[in-house]
Amino acid sequence: MITQDVGLPRLLPLAVRILRDTAPRQPAGGWYDDDLLYAVVTRKPRVWEQLPGLAEELRAVIESLVGLSRHVRDEADAVLSSLPGDHDDAADR
């Protein structure tokens, strides 16, 4: 549903919470839910402009992840550069 932009105000907070809760275990076992991460990071920038607090949570999650596939890392870096705020962390990688 997230990839179809259905119910985003309700689903994105749940998805970001799942990603946040599983991110600390990711380095030990590898990232196991690229589908959820991909669905979240490929939402249009206007979605994150409407949810700035959630965008900051997503930023923290993305910045904590290591060993992502190149495709998912490219999408994650793209969303980082489009998130509201004055961070430019994606350019530092």
PDB file of N, CA and C in Angstrom:
ATOM      1  N   MET A   1       0.815  -1.188   0.000  1.00  0.00           N
ATOM      2  CA  MET A   1       0.000   0.000   0.000  1.00  0.00           C
ATOM      3  C   MET A   1       0.866   1.262   0.000  1.00  0.00           C
ATOM      4  N   ILE A   2       1.996   1.215   0.674  1.00  0.00           N
ATOM      5  CA  ILE A   2       2.869   2.383   0.725  1.00  0.00           C
ATOM      6  C   ILE A   2       3.342   2.746  -0.677  1.00  0.00           C
ATOM      7  N   THR A   3       3.723   1.756  -1.466  1.00  0.00           N
ATOM      8  CA  THR A   3       4.213   2.054  -2.816  1.00  0.00           C
ATOM      9  C   THR A   3       3.114   2.601  -3.711  1.00  0.00           C
ATOM     10  N   GLN A   4       1.864   2.422  -3.308  1.00  0.00           N
ATOM     11  CA  GLN A   4       0.740   2.970  -4.069  1.00  0.00           C
ATOM     12  C   GLN A   4       0.253   4.279  -3.461  1.00  0.00           C
ATOM     13  N   ASP A   5       0.978   4.791  -2.476  1.00  0.00           N
ATOM     14  CA  ASP A   5       0.638   6.035  -1.780  1.00  0.00           C
ATOM     15  C   ASP A   5      -0.740   5.985  -1.128  1.00  0.00           C
ATOM     16  N   VAL A   6      -1.103   4.829  -0.621  1.00  0.00           N
ATOM     17  CA  VAL A   6      -2.388   4.642   0.048  1.00  0.00           C
ATOM     18  C   VAL A   6      -2.155   4.670   1.559  1.00  0.00           C
ATOM     19  N   GLY A   7      -2.907   5.501   2.254  1.00  0.00           N
ATOM     20  CA  GLY A   7      -2.858   5.530   3.712  1.00  0.00           C
ATOM     21  C   GLY A   7      -1.537   5.963   4.302  1.00  0.00           C
ATOM     22  N   LEU A   8      -0.792   6.797   3.602  1.00  0.00           N
ATOM     23  CA  LEU A   8       0.550   7.164   4.064  1.00  0.00           C
ATOM     24  C   LEU A   8       0.583   7.804   5.451  1.00  0.00           C
ATOM     25  N   PRO A   9      -0.365   8.679   5.804  1.00  0.00           N
ATOM     26  CA  PRO A   9      -0.295   9.259   7.155  1.00  0.00           C
ATOM     27  C   PRO A   9      -0.357   8.213   8.268  1.00  0.00           C
ATOM     28  N   ARG A  10      -0.983   7.093   8.007  1.00  0.00           N
ATOM     29  CA  ARG A  10      -1.055   6.027   9.015  1.00  0.00           C
ATOM     30  C   ARG A  10       0.044   4.980   8.839  1.00  0.00           C
ATOM     31  N   LEU A  11       0.364   4.658   7.594  1.00  0.00           N
ATOM     32  CA  LEU A  11       1.313   3.570   7.334  1.00  0.00           C
ATOM     33  C   LEU A  11       2.772   3.984   7.472  1.00  0.00           C
ATOM     34  N   LEU A  12       3.117   5.192   7.047  1.00  0.00           N
ATOM     35  CA  LEU A  12       4.525   5.595   7.132  1.00  0.00           C
ATOM     36  C   LEU A  12       5.045   5.637   8.571  1.00  0.00           C
ATOM     37  N   PRO A  13       4.284   6.163   9.537  1.00  0.00           N
ATOM     38  CA  PRO A  13       4.800   6.102  10.911  1.00  0.00           C
ATOM     39  C   PRO A  13       5.049   4.668  11.387  1.00  0.00           C
ATOM     40  N   LEU A  14       4.176   3.754  11.019  1.00  0.00           N
ATOM     41  CA  LEU A  14       4.388   2.349  11.392  1.00  0.00           C
ATOM     42  C   LEU A  14       5.627   1.781  10.712  1.00  0.00           C
ATOM     43  N   ALA A  15       5.774   2.076   9.437  1.00  0.00           N
ATOM     44  CA  ALA A  15       6.923   1.562   8.679  1.00  0.00           C
ATOM     45  C   ALA A  15       8.228   2.121   9.222  1.00  0.00           C
ATOM     46  N   VAL A  16       8.275   3.416   9.495  1.00  0.00           N
ATOM     47  CA  VAL A  16       9.502   4.020  10.025  1.00  0.00           C
ATOM     48  C   VAL A  16       9.808   3.457  11.402  1.00  0.00           C
ATOM     49  N   ARG A  17       8.779   3.193  12.204  1.00  0.00           N
ATOM     50  CA  ARG A  17       9.002   2.593  13.523  1.00  0.00           C
ATOM     51  C   ARG A  17       9.604   1.191  13.378  1.00  0.00           C
ATOM     52  N   ILE A  18       9.080   0.397  12.453  1.00  0.00           N
ATOM     53  CA  ILE A  18       9.638  -0.937  12.221  1.00  0.00           C
ATOM     54  C   ILE A  18      11.088  -0.833  11.773  1.00  0.00           C
ATOM     55  N   LEU A  19      11.357   0.068  10.842  1.00  0.00           N
ATOM     56  CA  LEU A  19      12.733   0.249  10.363  1.00  0.00           C
ATOM     57  C   LEU A  19      13.641   0.709  11.502  1.00  0.00           C
ATOM     58  N   ARG A  20      13.156   1.655  12.302  1.00  0.00           N
ATOM     59  CA  ARG A  20      13.948   2.164  13.435  1.00  0.00           C
ATOM     60  C   ARG A  20      14.236   1.058  14.437  1.00  0.00           C
ATOM     61  N   ASP A  21      13.221   0.240  14.729  1.00  0.00           N
ATOM     62  CA  ASP A  21      13.396  -0.808  15.734  1.00  0.00           C
ATOM     63  C   ASP A  21      14.304  -1.932  15.254  1.00  0.00           C
ATOM     64  N   THR A  22      14.358  -2.180  13.968  1.00  0.00           N
ATOM     65  CA  THR A  22      15.185  -3.266  13.453  1.00  0.00           C
ATOM     66  C   THR A  22      16.578  -2.799  13.016  1.00  0.00           C
ATOM     67  N   ALA A  23      16.759  -1.513  12.816  1.00  0.00           N
ATOM     68  CA  ALA A  23      18.051  -0.992  12.338  1.00  0.00           C
ATOM     69  C   ALA A  23      19.231  -1.345  13.248  1.00  0.00           C
ATOM     70  N   PRO A  24      19.092  -1.287  14.570  1.00  0.00           N
ATOM     71  CA  PRO A  24      20.246  -1.622  15.416  1.00  0.00           C
ATOM     72  C   PRO A  24      20.738  -3.064  15.240  1.00  0.00           C
ATOM     73  N   ARG A  25      19.854  -3.961  14.844  1.00  0.00           N
ATOM     74  CA  ARG A  25      20.251  -5.363  14.642  1.00  0.00           C
ATOM     75  C   ARG A  25      20.767  -5.617  13.236  1.00  0.00           C
ATOM     76  N   GLN A  26      20.626  -4.655  12.365  1.00  0.00           N
ATOM     77  CA  GLN A  26      20.982  -4.828  10.957  1.00  0.00           C
ATOM     78  C   GLN A  26      22.455  -5.169  10.732  1.00  0.00           C
ATOM     79  N   PRO A  27      23.423  -4.516  11.383  1.00  0.00           N
ATOM     80  CA  PRO A  27      24.818  -4.869  11.101  1.00  0.00           C
ATOM     81  C   PRO A  27      25.167  -6.318  11.431  1.00  0.00           C
ATOM     82  N   ALA A  28      24.520  -6.885  12.435  1.00  0.00           N
ATOM     83  CA  ALA A  28      24.831  -8.259  12.839  1.00  0.00           C
ATOM     84  C   ALA A  28      24.257  -9.294  11.877  1.00  0.00           C
ATOM     85  N   GLY A  29      23.098  -9.003  11.321  1.00  0.00           N
ATOM     86  CA  GLY A  29      22.452 -10.018  10.508  1.00  0.00           C
ATOM     87  C   GLY A  29      22.163  -9.608   9.086  1.00  0.00           C
ATOM     88  N   GLY A  30      22.601  -8.434   8.686  1.00  0.00           N
ATOM     89  CA  GLY A  30      22.293  -7.965   7.346  1.00  0.00           C
ATOM     90  C   GLY A  30      20.891  -7.393   7.286  1.00  0.00           C
ATOM     91  N   TRP A  31      20.656  -6.532   6.352  1.00  0.00           N
ATOM     92  CA  TRP A  31      19.344  -5.900   6.238  1.00  0.00           C
ATOM     93  C   TRP A  31      18.391  -6.903   5.624  1.00  0.00           C
ATOM     94  N   TYR A  32      17.328  -7.205   6.319  1.00  0.00           N
ATOM     95  CA  TYR A  32      16.446  -8.261   5.861  1.00  0.00           C
ATOM     96  C   TYR A  32      15.145  -7.753   5.256  1.00  0.00           C
ATOM     97  N   ASP A  33      14.920  -6.459   5.267  1.00  0.00           N
ATOM     98  CA  ASP A  33      13.651  -5.971   4.739  1.00  0.00           C
ATOM     99  C   ASP A  33      13.863  -4.834   3.750  1.00  0.00           C
ATOM    100  N   ASP A  34      14.588  -5.109   2.689  1.00  0.00           N
ATOM    101  CA  ASP A  34      14.799  -4.093   1.667  1.00  0.00           C
ATOM    102  C   ASP A  34      13.490  -3.622   1.060  1.00  0.00           C
ATOM    103  N   ASP A  35      12.483  -4.494   0.985  1.00  0.00           N
ATOM    104  CA  ASP A  35      11.204  -4.107   0.385  1.00  0.00           C
ATOM    105  C   ASP A  35      10.548  -2.979   1.166  1.00  0.00           C
ATOM    106  N   LEU A  36      10.505  -3.083   2.471  1.00  0.00           N
ATOM    107  CA  LEU A  36       9.906  -2.028   3.284  1.00  0.00           C
ATOM    108  C   LEU A  36      10.734  -0.752   3.191  1.00  0.00           C
ATOM    109  N   LEU A  37      12.032  -0.876   3.314  1.00  0.00           N
ATOM    110  CA  LEU A  37      12.894   0.294   3.208  1.00  0.00           C
ATOM    111  C   LEU A  37      12.723   0.968   1.854  1.00  0.00           C
ATOM    112  N   TYR A  38      12.722   0.185   0.797  1.00  0.00           N
ATOM    113  CA  TYR A  38      12.558   0.733  -0.552  1.00  0.00           C
ATOM    114  C   TYR A  38      11.211   1.442  -0.689  1.00  0.00           C
ATOM    115  N   ALA A  39      10.151   0.843  -0.169  1.00  0.00           N
ATOM    116  CA  ALA A  39       8.825   1.467  -0.251  1.00  0.00           C
ATOM    117  C   ALA A  39       8.827   2.822   0.452  1.00  0.00           C
ATOM    118  N   VAL A  40       9.488   2.897   1.587  1.00  0.00           N
ATOM    119  CA  VAL A  40       9.510   4.144   2.355  1.00  0.00           C
ATOM    120  C   VAL A  40      10.371   5.201   1.674  1.00  0.00           C
ATOM    121  N   VAL A  41      11.565   4.826   1.228  1.00  0.00           N
ATOM    122  CA  VAL A  41      12.478   5.847   0.680  1.00  0.00           C
ATOM    123  C   VAL A  41      12.110   6.310  -0.723  1.00  0.00           C
ATOM    124  N   THR A  42      11.193   5.638  -1.370  1.00  0.00           N
ATOM    125  CA  THR A  42      10.816   6.066  -2.716  1.00  0.00           C
ATOM    126  C   THR A  42       9.548   6.924  -2.737  1.00  0.00           C
ATOM    127  N   ARG A  43       9.087   7.351  -1.570  1.00  0.00           N
ATOM    128  CA  ARG A  43       7.956   8.275  -1.562  1.00  0.00           C
ATOM    129  C   ARG A  43       8.428   9.646  -2.018  1.00  0.00           C
ATOM    130  N   LYS A  44       7.551  10.386  -2.630  1.00  0.00           N
ATOM    131  CA  LYS A  44       7.882  11.699  -3.181  1.00  0.00           C
ATOM    132  C   LYS A  44       8.240  12.686  -2.071  1.00  0.00           C
ATOM    133  N   PRO A  45       9.120  13.648  -2.372  1.00  0.00           N
ATOM    134  CA  PRO A  45       9.533  14.624  -1.358  1.00  0.00           C
ATOM    135  C   PRO A  45       8.369  15.354  -0.689  1.00  0.00           C
ATOM    136  N   ARG A  46       7.277  15.594  -1.403  1.00  0.00           N
ATOM    137  CA  ARG A  46       6.153  16.323  -0.788  1.00  0.00           C
ATOM    138  C   ARG A  46       5.555  15.556   0.383  1.00  0.00           C
ATOM    139  N   VAL A  47       5.652  14.236   0.351  1.00  0.00           N
ATOM    140  CA  VAL A  47       5.156  13.428   1.468  1.00  0.00           C
ATOM    141  C   VAL A  47       5.938  13.776   2.728  1.00  0.00           C
ATOM    142  N   TRP A  48       7.252  13.849   2.601  1.00  0.00           N
ATOM    143  CA  TRP A  48       8.112  14.120   3.760  1.00  0.00           C
ATOM    144  C   TRP A  48       7.999  15.565   4.204  1.00  0.00           C
ATOM    145  N   GLU A  49       7.697  16.477   3.288  1.00  0.00           N
ATOM    146  CA  GLU A  49       7.472  17.879   3.667  1.00  0.00           C
ATOM    147  C   GLU A  49       6.259  17.983   4.580  1.00  0.00           C
ATOM    148  N   GLN A  50       5.270  17.131   4.390  1.00  0.00           N
ATOM    149  CA  GLN A  50       4.062  17.134   5.213  1.00  0.00           C
ATOM    150  C   GLN A  50       4.274  16.423   6.543  1.00  0.00           C
ATOM    151  N   LEU A  51       5.345  15.658   6.661  1.00  0.00           N
ATOM    152  CA  LEU A  51       5.637  14.880   7.868  1.00  0.00           C
ATOM    153  C   LEU A  51       7.075  15.127   8.324  1.00  0.00           C
ATOM    154  N   PRO A  52       7.425  16.371   8.674  1.00  0.00           N
ATOM    155  CA  PRO A  52       8.836  16.685   8.967  1.00  0.00           C
ATOM    156  C   PRO A  52       9.426  15.917  10.145  1.00  0.00           C
ATOM    157  N   GLY A  53       8.651  15.671  11.181  1.00  0.00           N
ATOM    158  CA  GLY A  53       9.173  14.900  12.315  1.00  0.00           C
ATOM    159  C   GLY A  53       9.501  13.473  11.920  1.00  0.00           C
ATOM    160  N   LEU A  54       8.630  12.888  11.133  1.00  0.00           N
ATOM    161  CA  LEU A  54       8.856  11.531  10.647  1.00  0.00           C
ATOM    162  C   LEU A  54      10.042  11.492   9.687  1.00  0.00           C
ATOM    163  N   ALA A  55      10.197  12.562   8.910  1.00  0.00           N
ATOM    164  CA  ALA A  55      11.337  12.650   7.998  1.00  0.00           C
ATOM    165  C   ALA A  55      12.651  12.619   8.777  1.00  0.00           C
ATOM    166  N   GLU A  56      12.688  13.292   9.912  1.00  0.00           N
ATOM    167  CA  GLU A  56      13.902  13.283  10.740  1.00  0.00           C
ATOM    168  C   GLU A  56      14.163  11.899  11.320  1.00  0.00           C
ATOM    169  N   GLU A  57      13.105  11.194  11.715  1.00  0.00           N
ATOM    170  CA  GLU A  57      13.277   9.817  12.193  1.00  0.00           C
ATOM    171  C   GLU A  57      13.832   8.935  11.081  1.00  0.00           C
ATOM    172  N   LEU A  58      13.293   9.105   9.887  1.00  0.00           N
ATOM    173  CA  LEU A  58      13.763   8.321   8.745  1.00  0.00           C
ATOM    174  C   LEU A  58      15.226   8.635   8.463  1.00  0.00           C
ATOM    175  N   ARG A  59      15.601   9.901   8.538  1.00  0.00           N
ATOM    176  CA  ARG A  59      16.998  10.290   8.321  1.00  0.00           C
ATOM    177  C   ARG A  59      17.910   9.532   9.280  1.00  0.00           C
ATOM    178  N   ALA A  60      17.542   9.489  10.547  1.00  0.00           N
ATOM    179  CA  ALA A  60      18.363   8.800  11.551  1.00  0.00           C
ATOM    180  C   ALA A  60      18.476   7.306  11.239  1.00  0.00           C
ATOM    181  N   VAL A  61      17.386   6.706  10.812  1.00  0.00           N
ATOM    182  CA  VAL A  61      17.406   5.279  10.467  1.00  0.00           C
ATOM    183  C   VAL A  61      18.346   5.042   9.301  1.00  0.00           C
ATOM    184  N   ILE A  62      18.176   5.805   8.234  1.00  0.00           N
ATOM    185  CA  ILE A  62      18.984   5.616   7.030  1.00  0.00           C
ATOM    186  C   ILE A  62      20.467   5.789   7.345  1.00  0.00           C
ATOM    187  N   GLU A  63      20.784   6.809   8.128  1.00  0.00           N
ATOM    188  CA  GLU A  63      22.190   7.081   8.447  1.00  0.00           C
ATOM    189  C   GLU A  63      22.816   5.978   9.289  1.00  0.00           C
ATOM    190  N   SER A  64      21.987   5.169   9.954  1.00  0.00           N
ATOM    191  CA  SER A  64      22.534   4.099  10.789  1.00  0.00           C
ATOM    192  C   SER A  64      22.750   2.797  10.023  1.00  0.00           C
ATOM    193  N   LEU A  65      22.250   2.709   8.812  1.00  0.00           N
ATOM    194  CA  LEU A  65      22.309   1.458   8.057  1.00  0.00           C
ATOM    195  C   LEU A  65      23.630   1.296   7.321  1.00  0.00           C
ATOM    196  N   VAL A  66      24.114   0.072   7.287  1.00  0.00           N
ATOM    197  CA  VAL A  66      25.347  -0.244   6.573  1.00  0.00           C
ATOM    198  C   VAL A  66      25.091  -1.417   5.646  1.00  0.00           C
ATOM    199  N   GLY A  67      25.902  -1.541   4.634  1.00  0.00           N
ATOM    200  CA  GLY A  67      25.853  -2.716   3.769  1.00  0.00           C
ATOM    201  C   GLY A  67      24.601  -2.841   2.918  1.00  0.00           C
ATOM    202  N   LEU A  68      23.953  -1.738   2.627  1.00  0.00           N
ATOM    203  CA  LEU A  68      22.774  -1.806   1.760  1.00  0.00           C
ATOM    204  C   LEU A  68      23.203  -2.122   0.334  1.00  0.00           C
ATOM    205  N   SER A  69      22.310  -2.748  -0.405  1.00  0.00           N
ATOM    206  CA  SER A  69      22.606  -2.975  -1.817  1.00  0.00           C
ATOM    207  C   SER A  69      22.753  -1.621  -2.502  1.00  0.00           C
ATOM    208  N   ARG A  70      23.490  -1.589  -3.585  1.00  0.00           N
ATOM    209  CA  ARG A  70      23.743  -0.326  -4.280  1.00  0.00           C
ATOM    210  C   ARG A  70      22.437   0.361  -4.683  1.00  0.00           C
ATOM    211  N   HIS A  71      21.483  -0.424  -5.163  1.00  0.00           N
ATOM    212  CA  HIS A  71      20.204   0.129  -5.615  1.00  0.00           C
ATOM    213  C   HIS A  71      19.453   0.803  -4.458  1.00  0.00           C
ATOM    214  N   VAL A  72      19.373   0.100  -3.328  1.00  0.00           N
ATOM    215  CA  VAL A  72      18.672   0.658  -2.173  1.00  0.00           C
ATOM    216  C   VAL A  72      19.456   1.841  -1.611  1.00  0.00           C
ATOM    217  N   ARG A  73      20.786   1.760  -1.578  1.00  0.00           N
ATOM    218  CA  ARG A  73      21.601   2.873  -1.085  1.00  0.00           C
ATOM    219  C   ARG A  73      21.382   4.109  -1.957  1.00  0.00           C
ATOM    220  N   ASP A  74      21.314   3.942  -3.273  1.00  0.00           N
ATOM    221  CA  ASP A  74      21.065   5.086  -4.165  1.00  0.00           C
ATOM    222  C   ASP A  74      19.728   5.739  -3.845  1.00  0.00           C
ATOM    223  N   GLU A  75      18.699   4.929  -3.643  1.00  0.00           N
ATOM    224  CA  GLU A  75      17.373   5.469  -3.298  1.00  0.00           C
ATOM    225  C   GLU A  75      17.408   6.147  -1.925  1.00  0.00           C
ATOM    226  N   ALA A  76      18.097   5.537  -0.961  1.00  0.00           N
ATOM    227  CA  ALA A  76      18.200   6.116   0.376  1.00  0.00           C
ATOM    228  C   ALA A  76      18.932   7.446   0.330  1.00  0.00           C
ATOM    229  N   ASP A  77      20.016   7.516  -0.429  1.00  0.00           N
ATOM    230  CA  ASP A  77      20.748   8.775  -0.557  1.00  0.00           C
ATOM    231  C   ASP A  77      19.898   9.846  -1.232  1.00  0.00           C
ATOM    232  N   ALA A  78      19.099   9.454  -2.211  1.00  0.00           N
ATOM    233  CA  ALA A  78      18.222  10.405  -2.899  1.00  0.00           C
ATOM    234  C   ALA A  78      17.192  10.975  -1.941  1.00  0.00           C
ATOM    235  N   VAL A  79      16.609  10.116  -1.110  1.00  0.00           N
ATOM    236  CA  VAL A  79      15.611  10.633  -0.170  1.00  0.00           C
ATOM    237  C   VAL A  79      16.277  11.508   0.885  1.00  0.00           C
ATOM    238  N   LEU A  80      17.482  11.168   1.316  1.00  0.00           N
ATOM    239  CA  LEU A  80      18.184  12.019   2.275  1.00  0.00           C
ATOM    240  C   LEU A  80      18.384  13.424   1.726  1.00  0.00           C
ATOM    241  N   SER A  81      18.747  13.509   0.463  1.00  0.00           N
ATOM    242  CA  SER A  81      18.993  14.828  -0.120  1.00  0.00           C
ATOM    243  C   SER A  81      17.703  15.622  -0.314  1.00  0.00           C
ATOM    244  N   SER A  82      16.551  14.939  -0.317  1.00  0.00           N
ATOM    245  CA  SER A  82      15.293  15.641  -0.531  1.00  0.00           C
ATOM    246  C   SER A  82      14.514  15.900   0.751  1.00  0.00           C
ATOM    247  N   LEU A  83      14.951  15.329   1.876  1.00  0.00           N
ATOM    248  CA  LEU A  83      14.211  15.507   3.121  1.00  0.00           C
ATOM    249  C   LEU A  83      14.282  16.952   3.588  1.00  0.00           C
ATOM    250  N   PRO A  84      13.211  17.419   4.242  1.00  0.00           N
ATOM    251  CA  PRO A  84      13.236  18.775   4.778  1.00  0.00           C
ATOM    252  C   PRO A  84      14.331  18.912   5.826  1.00  0.00           C
ATOM    253  N   GLY A  85      14.822  20.099   5.982  1.00  0.00           N
ATOM    254  CA  GLY A  85      15.886  20.371   6.949  1.00  0.00           C
ATOM    255  C   GLY A  85      17.142  20.793   6.238  1.00  0.00           C
ATOM    256  N   ASP A  86      18.152  21.173   7.026  1.00  0.00           N
ATOM    257  CA  ASP A  86      19.376  21.650   6.394  1.00  0.00           C
ATOM    258  C   ASP A  86      20.522  20.684   6.552  1.00  0.00           C
ATOM    259  N   HIS A  87      20.226  19.397   6.434  1.00  0.00           N
ATOM    260  CA  HIS A  87      21.266  18.371   6.476  1.00  0.00           C
ATOM    261  C   HIS A  87      21.731  18.090   5.051  1.00  0.00           C
ATOM    262  N   ASP A  88      23.001  17.746   4.917  1.00  0.00           N
ATOM    263  CA  ASP A  88      23.536  17.366   3.618  1.00  0.00           C
ATOM    264  C   ASP A  88      24.381  16.119   3.774  1.00  0.00           C
ATOM    265  N   ASP A  89      23.910  15.189   4.621  1.00  0.00           N
ATOM    266  CA  ASP A  89      24.684  13.994   4.950  1.00  0.00           C
ATOM    267  C   ASP A  89      24.911  13.067   3.770  1.00  0.00           C
ATOM    268  N   ALA A  90      23.976  12.996   2.839  1.00  0.00           N
ATOM    269  CA  ALA A  90      24.129  12.096   1.701  1.00  0.00           C
ATOM    270  C   ALA A  90      25.348  12.483   0.872  1.00  0.00           C
ATOM    271  N   ALA A  91      25.642  13.760   0.796  1.00  0.00           N
ATOM    272  CA  ALA A  91      26.782  14.217   0.015  1.00  0.00           C
ATOM    273  C   ALA A  91      28.104  13.842   0.687  1.00  0.00           C
ATOM    274  N   ASP A  92      28.063  13.561   2.001  1.00  0.00           N
ATOM    275  CA  ASP A  92      29.280  13.236   2.730  1.00  0.00           C
ATOM    276  C   ASP A  92      29.706  11.787   2.560  1.00  0.00           C
ATOM    277  N   ARG A  93      28.883  10.944   1.949  1.00  0.00           N
ATOM    278  CA  ARG A  93      29.217   9.521   1.802  1.00  0.00           C
ATOM    279  C   ARG A  93      30.156   9.301   0.662  1.00  0.00           C
TER     280      ARG A  93
END
